[in-house]
Amino acid sequence: MSSDPLAPVLVHNRYRVGLMTARQFSQSEIEFLNDLFKQAIREFTAGAWVGGLADDRFLRLTGLQEATRSATKRINQDFDDAIQKQQLEVPADSWEANWKPEGWMPWPW
């Protein structure tokens, strides 16, 4: 503890916790989407759809899977960069200390 009576009181950075929670939530959504791609590709490979537009649809599906993988890497990097820029503790009167999620985001406490 600081002996300086004017030193700010430090508390956990709620915004940083929110970013970490959002990253974790996005990972579960990404995993779900990747599982759907794997299942659809498995079905295609097993012959669930043949003839007509099957080859075109399969190429589009695998293209979407690859685009999702690429986007996932960028999303993770964006979250990691934003989290890294945040301090673990911030002054109690800062916006980061008083930040609250809006709507959809699950809150860890």
Protein backbone atom coordinates (compact mmCIF):
# COMPACT_ATOMS: atom_id res chain seq x y z
CA MET A 1 0.00 0.00 0.00
CA SER A 2 1.26 3.45 -0.89
CA SER A 3 2.07 5.90 1.86
CA ASP A 4 0.94 8.74 -0.42
CA PRO A 5 -2.56 9.81 0.73
CA LEU A 6 -3.22 11.23 -2.75
CA ALA A 7 -2.38 8.00 -4.56
CA PRO A 8 -5.42 6.61 -6.38
CA VAL A 9 -7.16 3.54 -5.01
CA LEU A 10 -6.63 0.70 -7.48
CA VAL A 11 -9.28 -1.91 -8.27
CA HIS A 12 -9.69 -4.74 -10.78
CA ASN A 13 -10.12 -3.57 -14.37
CA ARG A 14 -13.70 -4.60 -15.18
CA TYR A 15 -13.27 -3.73 -18.85
CA ARG A 16 -10.32 -6.12 -19.14
CA VAL A 17 -12.38 -8.85 -17.48
CA GLY A 18 -15.18 -8.09 -19.94
CA LEU A 19 -12.80 -8.46 -22.90
CA MET A 20 -11.55 -11.77 -21.53
CA THR A 21 -15.12 -12.99 -21.03
CA ALA A 22 -16.11 -11.94 -24.54
CA ARG A 23 -13.09 -13.74 -25.99
CA GLN A 24 -13.96 -16.91 -24.10
CA PHE A 25 -17.61 -16.68 -25.22
CA SER A 26 -16.56 -16.15 -28.83
CA GLN A 27 -14.36 -19.23 -28.64
CA SER A 28 -17.30 -21.45 -27.72
CA GLU A 29 -19.30 -20.00 -30.62
CA ILE A 30 -16.38 -20.52 -33.02
CA GLU A 31 -15.95 -24.12 -31.85
CA PHE A 32 -19.66 -24.73 -32.44
CA LEU A 33 -19.41 -23.32 -35.97
CA ASN A 34 -16.28 -25.36 -36.71
CA ASP A 35 -18.07 -28.52 -35.53
CA LEU A 36 -20.92 -27.75 -37.95
CA PHE A 37 -18.45 -27.37 -40.82
CA LYS A 38 -16.73 -30.65 -39.93
CA GLN A 39 -20.05 -32.47 -39.76
CA ALA A 40 -21.25 -31.06 -43.09
CA ILE A 41 -17.96 -31.91 -44.80
CA ARG A 42 -18.08 -35.42 -43.34
CA GLU A 43 -21.61 -35.85 -44.74
CA PHE A 44 -20.57 -34.53 -48.16
CA THR A 45 -17.56 -36.84 -48.23
CA ALA A 46 -19.78 -39.79 -47.31
CA GLY A 47 -21.92 -39.05 -50.37
CA ALA A 48 -24.89 -37.28 -48.75
CA TRP A 49 -25.19 -35.00 -51.78
CA VAL A 50 -24.18 -36.12 -55.25
CA GLY A 51 -24.70 -34.82 -58.77
CA GLY A 52 -25.99 -31.48 -59.90
CA LEU A 53 -24.54 -28.72 -57.76
CA ALA A 54 -22.86 -30.99 -55.19
CA ASP A 55 -19.30 -30.21 -56.26
CA ASP A 56 -19.97 -26.48 -56.34
CA ARG A 57 -21.65 -26.58 -52.92
CA PHE A 58 -18.77 -28.60 -51.47
CA LEU A 59 -16.22 -26.07 -52.75
CA ARG A 60 -18.28 -23.21 -51.33
CA LEU A 61 -18.58 -25.00 -47.99
CA THR A 62 -14.84 -25.65 -47.71
CA GLY A 63 -14.18 -22.06 -48.78
CA LEU A 64 -16.44 -20.79 -46.00
CA GLN A 65 -14.67 -23.06 -43.54
CA GLU A 66 -11.30 -21.61 -44.53
CA ALA A 67 -12.63 -18.03 -44.37
CA THR A 68 -13.93 -18.77 -40.87
CA ARG A 69 -10.54 -20.11 -39.79
CA SER A 70 -8.86 -16.97 -41.11
CA ALA A 71 -11.38 -14.68 -39.41
CA THR A 72 -10.97 -16.63 -36.17
CA LYS A 73 -7.24 -15.94 -36.14
CA ARG A 74 -7.87 -12.22 -36.65
CA ILE A 75 -10.60 -12.12 -34.00
CA ASN A 76 -8.39 -13.87 -31.46
CA GLN A 77 -5.51 -11.52 -32.21
CA ASP A 78 -7.77 -8.47 -31.86
CA PHE A 79 -9.01 -9.70 -28.48
CA ASP A 80 -5.48 -10.55 -27.33
CA ASP A 81 -4.19 -7.13 -28.39
CA ALA A 82 -7.03 -5.31 -26.63
CA ILE A 83 -6.61 -7.39 -23.45
CA GLN A 84 -2.86 -6.85 -23.40
CA LYS A 85 -3.30 -3.07 -23.59
CA GLN A 86 -5.40 -3.08 -20.41
CA GLN A 87 -3.89 -2.88 -16.93
CA LEU A 88 -4.85 -5.49 -14.33
CA GLU A 89 -5.74 -2.76 -11.86
CA VAL A 90 -6.96 0.76 -12.56
CA PRO A 91 -8.01 3.76 -10.45
CA ALA A 92 -11.39 3.20 -8.80
CA ASP A 93 -12.87 6.26 -10.50
CA SER A 94 -11.77 5.27 -14.03
CA TRP A 95 -14.20 4.24 -16.75
CA GLU A 96 -12.48 0.82 -16.92
CA ALA A 97 -13.22 0.18 -13.25
CA ASN A 98 -16.85 1.17 -13.68
CA TRP A 99 -17.50 -0.43 -17.06
CA LYS A 100 -20.56 -2.69 -17.36
CA PRO A 101 -21.49 -5.00 -20.25
CA GLU A 102 -24.47 -4.22 -22.40
CA GLY A 103 -27.12 -6.80 -23.10
CA TRP A 104 -25.93 -10.11 -24.44
CA MET A 105 -22.61 -10.65 -22.77
CA PRO A 106 -22.44 -13.14 -19.91
CA TRP A 107 -20.89 -11.56 -16.87
CA PRO A 108 -18.46 -13.54 -14.71
CA TRP A 109 -19.65 -12.27 -11.33
